[in-house]
Amino acid sequence: MKLGSGKFTYTPVEGWEKRPADMMWREVAGVAVDPKDNVYLFTRDPGAVVVCDRDGNVKSSWGQGTFVNPHGLTIGLEGDTLFCIDNGDHTVRKCTLDGKVLLTIGTPGKTSPLHSGKPFNKCTHVALDPGSGDIYVSDGYGNSAVHKYAPDGRYLFSWGAPGTDPGEFNLPHNIVTDKDGYVYVADRENHRIQVFDSKGKFQDQWVNMHRPCAIYMSKDGYLFNGELGFGMNVNRETPNLGPRISIFDTKGKRQARLEDKGSGMDGRQFVAPHGMAVDSRGDLYVAEVANTWMKHFQEPPPTVRSVQKFIKTG
């Protein structure tokens, strides 16, 4: 049972997610992997970071009572910190791998005016400049902007506005950088990924995708794009829209797609890919907000799969 093609061929691991009876989470909004291949799950209900080994066994957890609505999770450049993005209290927290908060950007519980372009209104994700360590924040559900900060949290500048033209956004949902410092933004409801330089100047846009929700840049320079499926009942049964994972090079050329039979809980299917990470062996982890997604259209079962692992076999 495989997905993808060529060197981007993967085999799903059935039952990777192991939730202890005393630690049941509703879903996983974000996922990150450290240099030792420990896997960090940013869980909801309860809001916490759960640390697993590569086989899905829980090792520890932290952050209970800190987070309102976990959204994005990004590993630091040195692999020894995590950036935890909470769109429920409009903050970015930089933490050690065992949960000590080193830096908070934003004021917990305080939001900027809707679509004001000022930080933050339901921020969504963080990317790091590989050279300077500067911090980019996509913002988000109540804003249409990207904000840039120095490594110490000092505000530098912002760009973006609501709209569909180059440099404008309609729900900037995720953000990554490449080794050359270019910035890629998943402009979800505009069905595109926009590319900028480190000064926020528009460079390119990639289309021919459906609601890009989760993006991840691998160390060898490939962008993994988690696309959502239908957004309205009118196209609920329309095939070939997602949910799926599409893989691109940094020129925007699609290399492969991971998809099978549309939305579903089969090991070859996705429901709502929301975060991704790749470990040192090339294996892929996909966090899904399936419980939230299902609630828009049906009552989800008591326990819904929230993260999948795919072993790279290509």
Protein backbone atom coordinates (compact mmCIF):
# COMPACT_ATOMS: atom_id res chain seq x y z
CA MET A 1 0.00 0.00 0.00
CA LYS A 2 1.98 2.98 -1.29
CA LEU A 3 1.41 6.61 -2.19
CA GLY A 4 3.31 8.99 -4.45
CA SER A 5 5.78 8.19 -7.21
CA GLY A 6 9.49 7.96 -7.96
CA LYS A 7 11.70 9.14 -5.12
CA PHE A 8 8.60 10.51 -3.41
CA THR A 9 7.03 7.12 -2.75
CA TYR A 10 5.72 6.48 0.77
CA THR A 11 4.14 3.66 2.74
CA PRO A 12 1.67 4.59 5.49
CA VAL A 13 2.30 3.24 8.99
CA GLU A 14 -0.95 1.90 10.39
CA GLY A 15 -1.60 2.74 14.03
CA TRP A 16 1.44 5.01 14.47
CA GLU A 17 -0.49 7.38 16.72
CA LYS A 18 -0.61 5.85 20.19
CA ARG A 19 -2.75 7.84 22.61
CA PRO A 20 -2.52 6.63 26.22
CA ALA A 21 -5.85 6.27 28.00
CA ASP A 22 -4.90 9.02 30.44
CA MET A 23 -3.74 11.37 27.67
CA MET A 24 -6.43 11.59 25.01
CA TRP A 25 -6.21 14.61 22.71
CA ARG A 26 -8.88 15.76 20.26
CA GLU A 27 -6.55 16.49 17.36
CA VAL A 28 -3.04 17.56 16.36
CA ALA A 29 -2.66 21.02 14.82
CA GLY A 30 1.09 20.98 14.25
CA VAL A 31 4.04 18.59 14.19
CA ALA A 32 7.83 19.03 14.34
CA VAL A 33 10.85 16.72 14.49
CA ASP A 34 14.15 17.38 16.27
CA PRO A 35 17.63 16.18 15.11
CA LYS A 36 17.24 12.99 17.20
CA ASP A 37 13.95 12.19 15.43
CA ASN A 38 11.81 12.88 18.46
CA VAL A 39 8.38 13.92 17.22
CA TYR A 40 6.52 16.85 18.80
CA LEU A 41 2.74 17.00 18.48
CA PHE A 42 0.91 20.28 19.15
CA THR A 43 -2.35 18.86 20.47
CA ARG A 44 -5.78 20.35 21.12
CA ASP A 45 -8.12 19.50 24.00
CA PRO A 46 -5.94 19.49 25.94
CA GLY A 47 -3.65 22.12 24.50
CA ALA A 48 -0.17 20.71 25.00
CA VAL A 49 3.02 19.61 23.29
CA VAL A 50 3.30 15.82 23.35
CA VAL A 51 6.74 14.29 22.72
CA CYS A 52 6.88 10.89 20.97
CA ASP A 53 9.60 8.61 19.69
CA ARG A 54 9.69 7.72 16.01
CA ASP A 55 7.44 4.72 16.66
CA GLY A 56 4.65 6.87 18.13
CA ASN A 57 5.23 6.03 21.80
CA VAL A 58 4.61 8.99 24.12
CA LYS A 59 7.70 10.03 26.10
CA SER A 60 6.48 13.20 27.82
CA SER A 61 4.23 16.24 27.50
CA TRP A 62 4.22 19.86 28.57
CA GLY A 63 2.36 23.16 28.22
CA GLN A 64 -0.97 22.09 29.69
CA GLY A 65 -2.86 25.23 30.72
CA THR A 66 -0.65 27.53 28.64
CA PHE A 67 -2.19 27.29 25.18
CA VAL A 68 -5.71 28.36 24.16
CA ASN A 69 -5.89 26.99 20.61
CA PRO A 70 -2.66 25.42 19.30
CA HIS A 71 -2.09 26.06 15.61
CA GLY A 72 1.48 25.93 14.26
CA LEU A 73 4.72 24.32 15.42
CA THR A 74 8.20 25.08 14.04
CA ILE A 75 11.54 23.63 15.09
CA GLY A 76 14.32 26.18 15.72
CA LEU A 77 17.34 26.48 13.41
CA GLU A 78 19.61 24.65 15.86
CA GLY A 79 17.01 21.97 16.55
CA ASP A 80 16.89 22.74 20.28
CA THR A 81 13.84 25.04 20.45
CA LEU A 82 10.24 25.07 19.30
CA PHE A 83 8.11 27.98 18.15
CA CYS A 84 4.51 27.39 19.30
CA ILE A 85 1.90 29.50 17.53
CA ASP A 86 -1.38 29.92 19.41
CA ASN A 87 -4.11 31.56 17.35
CA GLY A 88 -6.44 31.44 20.34
CA ASP A 89 -4.43 33.95 22.36
CA HIS A 90 -2.60 35.64 19.45
CA THR A 91 0.95 34.74 20.48
CA VAL A 92 4.16 33.10 19.36
CA ARG A 93 6.15 31.38 22.11
CA LYS A 94 9.70 30.19 21.68
CA CYS A 95 10.29 27.26 24.03
CA THR A 96 12.99 24.77 24.93
CA LEU A 97 12.29 21.20 23.91
CA ASP A 98 11.10 20.46 27.45
CA GLY A 99 8.75 23.44 27.62
CA LYS A 100 10.58 26.40 29.17
CA VAL A 101 9.31 29.61 27.54
CA LEU A 102 12.27 31.68 26.31
CA LEU A 103 10.42 34.37 24.35
CA THR A 104 6.82 35.47 23.84
CA ILE A 105 5.85 37.64 20.86
CA GLY A 106 2.41 39.21 21.23
CA THR A 107 0.34 39.82 24.34
CA PRO A 108 -1.69 36.80 25.46
CA GLY A 109 -5.38 37.43 24.91
CA LYS A 110 -4.85 40.77 23.16
CA THR A 111 -5.74 41.06 19.49
CA SER A 112 -5.12 43.73 16.88
CA PRO A 113 -8.10 45.18 14.96
CA LEU A 114 -9.55 42.94 12.26
CA HIS A 115 -7.48 43.13 9.04
CA SER A 116 -5.53 46.10 10.35
CA GLY A 117 -2.21 44.66 9.22
CA LYS A 118 -0.89 45.03 12.76
CA PRO A 119 0.23 42.00 14.82
CA PHE A 120 -1.61 39.76 15.70
CA ASN A 121 -5.14 38.65 14.92
CA LYS A 122 -5.30 34.85 15.05
CA CYS A 123 -1.73 34.25 13.83
CA THR A 124 -1.10 30.90 12.20
CA HIS A 125 2.56 29.88 11.72
CA VAL A 126 6.27 30.79 11.97
CA ALA A 127 9.23 30.48 9.60
CA LEU A 128 12.86 31.35 10.32
CA ASP A 129 15.41 33.05 8.10
CA PRO A 130 18.24 30.47 7.76
CA GLY A 131 20.96 33.11 7.77
CA SER A 132 19.87 35.78 10.24
CA GLY A 133 17.47 33.79 12.43
CA ASP A 134 14.80 36.45 11.84
CA ILE A 135 11.25 35.32 12.56
CA TYR A 136 8.39 35.49 10.04
CA VAL A 137 4.82 35.14 11.33
CA SER A 138 1.82 34.50 9.06
CA ASP A 139 -1.23 36.32 10.39
CA GLY A 140 -3.79 34.77 9.72
CA TYR A 141 -7.49 34.19 10.35
CA GLY A 142 -8.26 37.78 11.36
CA ASN A 143 -5.52 39.48 9.38
CA SER A 144 -3.93 39.42 5.92
CA ALA A 145 -0.29 40.00 6.66
CA VAL A 146 3.18 38.62 7.30
CA HIS A 147 5.22 40.16 10.13
CA LYS A 148 9.00 40.01 10.50
CA TYR A 149 10.86 40.06 13.83
CA ALA A 150 14.50 39.97 14.87
CA PRO A 151 15.63 36.83 16.74
CA ASP A 152 15.19 38.65 20.07
CA GLY A 153 11.53 39.42 19.27
CA ARG A 154 12.04 43.02 18.15
CA TYR A 155 9.47 44.02 15.53
CA LEU A 156 10.95 44.87 12.11
CA PHE A 157 8.19 45.31 9.54
CA SER A 158 5.05 43.82 7.97
CA TRP A 159 3.63 43.33 4.50
CA GLY A 160 0.36 42.26 2.91
CA ALA A 161 -3.28 43.34 2.72
CA PRO A 162 -6.61 41.66 2.01
CA GLY A 163 -7.12 40.82 -1.65
CA THR A 164 -6.16 38.66 -4.59
CA ASP A 165 -3.38 40.65 -6.27
CA PRO A 166 0.30 39.72 -5.87
CA GLY A 167 1.39 40.46 -2.31
CA GLU A 168 -2.18 40.40 -1.01
CA PHE A 169 -3.65 37.55 1.02
CA ASN A 170 -6.86 35.73 1.70
CA LEU A 171 -5.98 33.75 4.85
CA PRO A 172 -2.19 33.36 4.98
CA HIS A 173 -2.29 30.00 6.73
CA ASN A 174 1.28 28.74 6.76
CA ILE A 175 4.79 29.98 6.00
CA VAL A 176 8.25 28.47 5.32
CA THR A 177 11.67 29.60 4.07
CA ASP A 178 14.25 27.91 1.86
CA LYS A 179 18.04 27.75 2.25
CA ASP A 180 18.43 30.99 0.27
CA GLY A 181 16.08 32.92 2.52
CA TYR A 182 13.07 33.13 0.21
CA VAL A 183 9.72 33.14 1.98
CA TYR A 184 6.79 30.94 0.88
CA VAL A 185 3.27 31.71 2.10
CA ALA A 186 0.30 29.35 1.81
CA ASP A 187 -2.34 31.88 0.70
CA ARG A 188 -5.06 29.38 1.43
CA GLU A 189 -8.31 30.87 0.21
CA ASN A 190 -6.61 32.33 -2.88
CA HIS A 191 -5.58 28.77 -3.83
CA ARG A 192 -1.93 29.66 -4.26
CA ILE A 193 1.52 29.81 -2.70
CA GLN A 194 3.22 33.19 -2.92
CA VAL A 195 7.00 33.61 -2.88
CA PHE A 196 8.77 36.69 -1.44
CA ASP A 197 12.31 37.78 -0.75
CA SER A 198 13.50 38.56 2.77
CA LYS A 199 12.31 42.17 2.43
CA GLY A 200 8.77 41.12 1.62
CA LYS A 201 9.05 41.85 -2.11
CA PHE A 202 6.85 39.62 -4.26
CA GLN A 203 8.78 37.16 -6.46
CA ASP A 204 6.38 34.54 -7.79
CA GLN A 205 3.14 32.68 -7.22
CA TRP A 206 2.23 29.03 -7.73
CA VAL A 207 -1.30 28.08 -8.65
CA ASN A 208 -2.97 24.83 -9.80
CA MET A 209 -3.59 23.76 -6.20
CA HIS A 210 -6.61 23.65 -3.93
CA ARG A 211 -6.64 25.49 -0.59
CA PRO A 212 -2.98 25.03 0.47
CA CYS A 213 -3.17 24.62 4.23
CA ALA A 214 0.08 23.05 5.49
CA ILE A 215 3.49 23.62 3.91
CA TYR A 216 6.92 22.28 4.87
CA MET A 217 10.33 22.86 3.29
CA SER A 218 12.63 19.83 3.45
CA LYS A 219 16.38 20.20 3.92
CA ASP A 220 16.97 19.03 0.35
CA GLY A 221 14.79 21.82 -1.00
CA TYR A 222 11.36 20.37 -1.69
CA LEU A 223 8.16 22.00 -0.57
CA PHE A 224 5.47 19.66 0.79
CA ASN A 225 2.01 21.17 0.37
CA GLY A 226 -0.99 19.83 2.27
CA GLU A 227 -4.10 20.78 0.30
CA LEU A 228 -7.62 20.74 1.70
CA GLY A 229 -10.62 19.31 -0.11
CA PHE A 230 -14.02 20.89 -0.64
CA GLY A 231 -14.85 24.10 1.17
CA MET A 232 -18.53 24.30 0.24
CA ASN A 233 -21.30 21.73 -0.08
CA VAL A 234 -21.68 22.61 -3.75
CA ASN A 235 -18.36 20.86 -4.53
CA ARG A 236 -18.48 18.28 -1.76
CA GLU A 237 -18.55 15.39 -4.23
CA THR A 238 -16.18 16.94 -6.78
CA PRO A 239 -13.17 14.68 -7.39
CA ASN A 240 -9.53 15.73 -7.84
CA LEU A 241 -9.57 18.68 -5.41
CA GLY A 242 -8.00 17.05 -2.36
CA PRO A 243 -7.35 16.55 0.44
CA ARG A 244 -3.84 15.50 -0.58
CA ILE A 245 -0.12 16.20 -0.29
CA SER A 246 1.60 17.72 -3.33
CA ILE A 247 5.40 18.03 -3.53
CA PHE A 248 7.13 20.84 -5.46
CA ASP A 249 10.66 21.97 -6.19
CA THR A 250 11.53 25.60 -5.38
CA LYS A 251 10.66 26.65 -8.94
CA GLY A 252 7.07 25.55 -8.40
CA LYS A 253 7.26 22.40 -10.54
CA ARG A 254 5.19 19.61 -9.03
CA GLN A 255 7.19 16.42 -8.45
CA ALA A 256 4.58 14.07 -7.00
CA ARG A 257 1.22 13.82 -5.27
CA LEU A 258 0.10 11.68 -2.36
CA GLU A 259 -3.62 11.03 -2.67
CA ASP A 260 -6.07 8.18 -2.92
CA LYS A 261 -9.87 8.23 -3.31
CA GLY A 262 -10.47 11.64 -1.77
CA SER A 263 -11.28 12.40 1.85
CA GLY A 264 -11.41 9.54 4.34
CA MET A 265 -9.84 7.71 7.26
CA ASP A 266 -8.17 4.99 5.21
CA GLY A 267 -4.39 4.88 5.66
CA ARG A 268 -3.92 6.22 2.13
CA GLN A 269 -6.34 9.11 2.61
CA PHE A 270 -6.42 12.47 4.35
CA VAL A 271 -9.16 14.57 5.89
CA ALA A 272 -7.59 17.93 6.78
CA PRO A 273 -3.76 18.10 6.59
CA HIS A 274 -2.76 21.00 8.86
CA GLY A 275 0.95 20.51 9.68
CA MET A 276 3.87 18.47 8.34
CA ALA A 277 7.44 17.51 9.18
CA VAL A 278 10.11 15.22 7.73
CA ASP A 279 12.65 13.33 9.87
CA SER A 280 16.31 12.46 9.23
CA ARG A 281 15.35 9.32 7.28
CA GLY A 282 12.97 11.19 4.99
CA ASP A 283 9.85 9.82 6.67
CA LEU A 284 6.84 12.15 6.59
CA TYR A 285 4.53 13.10 9.49
CA VAL A 286 1.18 14.73 8.74
CA ALA A 287 -0.92 16.37 11.46
CA GLU A 288 -4.64 16.64 10.73
CA VAL A 289 -7.47 18.66 12.27
CA ALA A 290 -9.96 16.02 11.19
CA ASN A 291 -12.24 16.43 14.20
CA THR A 292 -12.74 20.15 13.57
CA TRP A 293 -13.15 19.60 9.84
CA MET A 294 -15.75 16.88 10.23
CA LYS A 295 -17.81 19.00 12.62
CA HIS A 296 -18.60 21.39 9.77
CA PHE A 297 -20.57 18.66 8.02
CA GLN A 298 -21.19 15.71 10.34
CA GLU A 299 -20.73 14.48 13.89
CA PRO A 300 -17.24 12.97 14.15
CA PRO A 301 -16.72 9.67 15.97
CA PRO A 302 -15.46 9.87 19.58
CA THR A 303 -11.84 9.30 18.53
CA VAL A 304 -10.57 10.52 15.17
CA ARG A 305 -7.09 9.93 13.77
CA SER A 306 -5.07 13.12 14.20
CA VAL A 307 -1.60 12.33 12.85
CA GLN A 308 -0.15 9.92 10.29
CA LYS A 309 3.36 8.70 9.53
CA PHE A 310 4.56 7.70 6.07
CA ILE A 311 7.84 5.82 5.59
CA LYS A 312 9.83 6.97 2.59
CA THR A 313 10.38 4.01 0.29
CA GLY A 314 11.25 5.81 -2.95
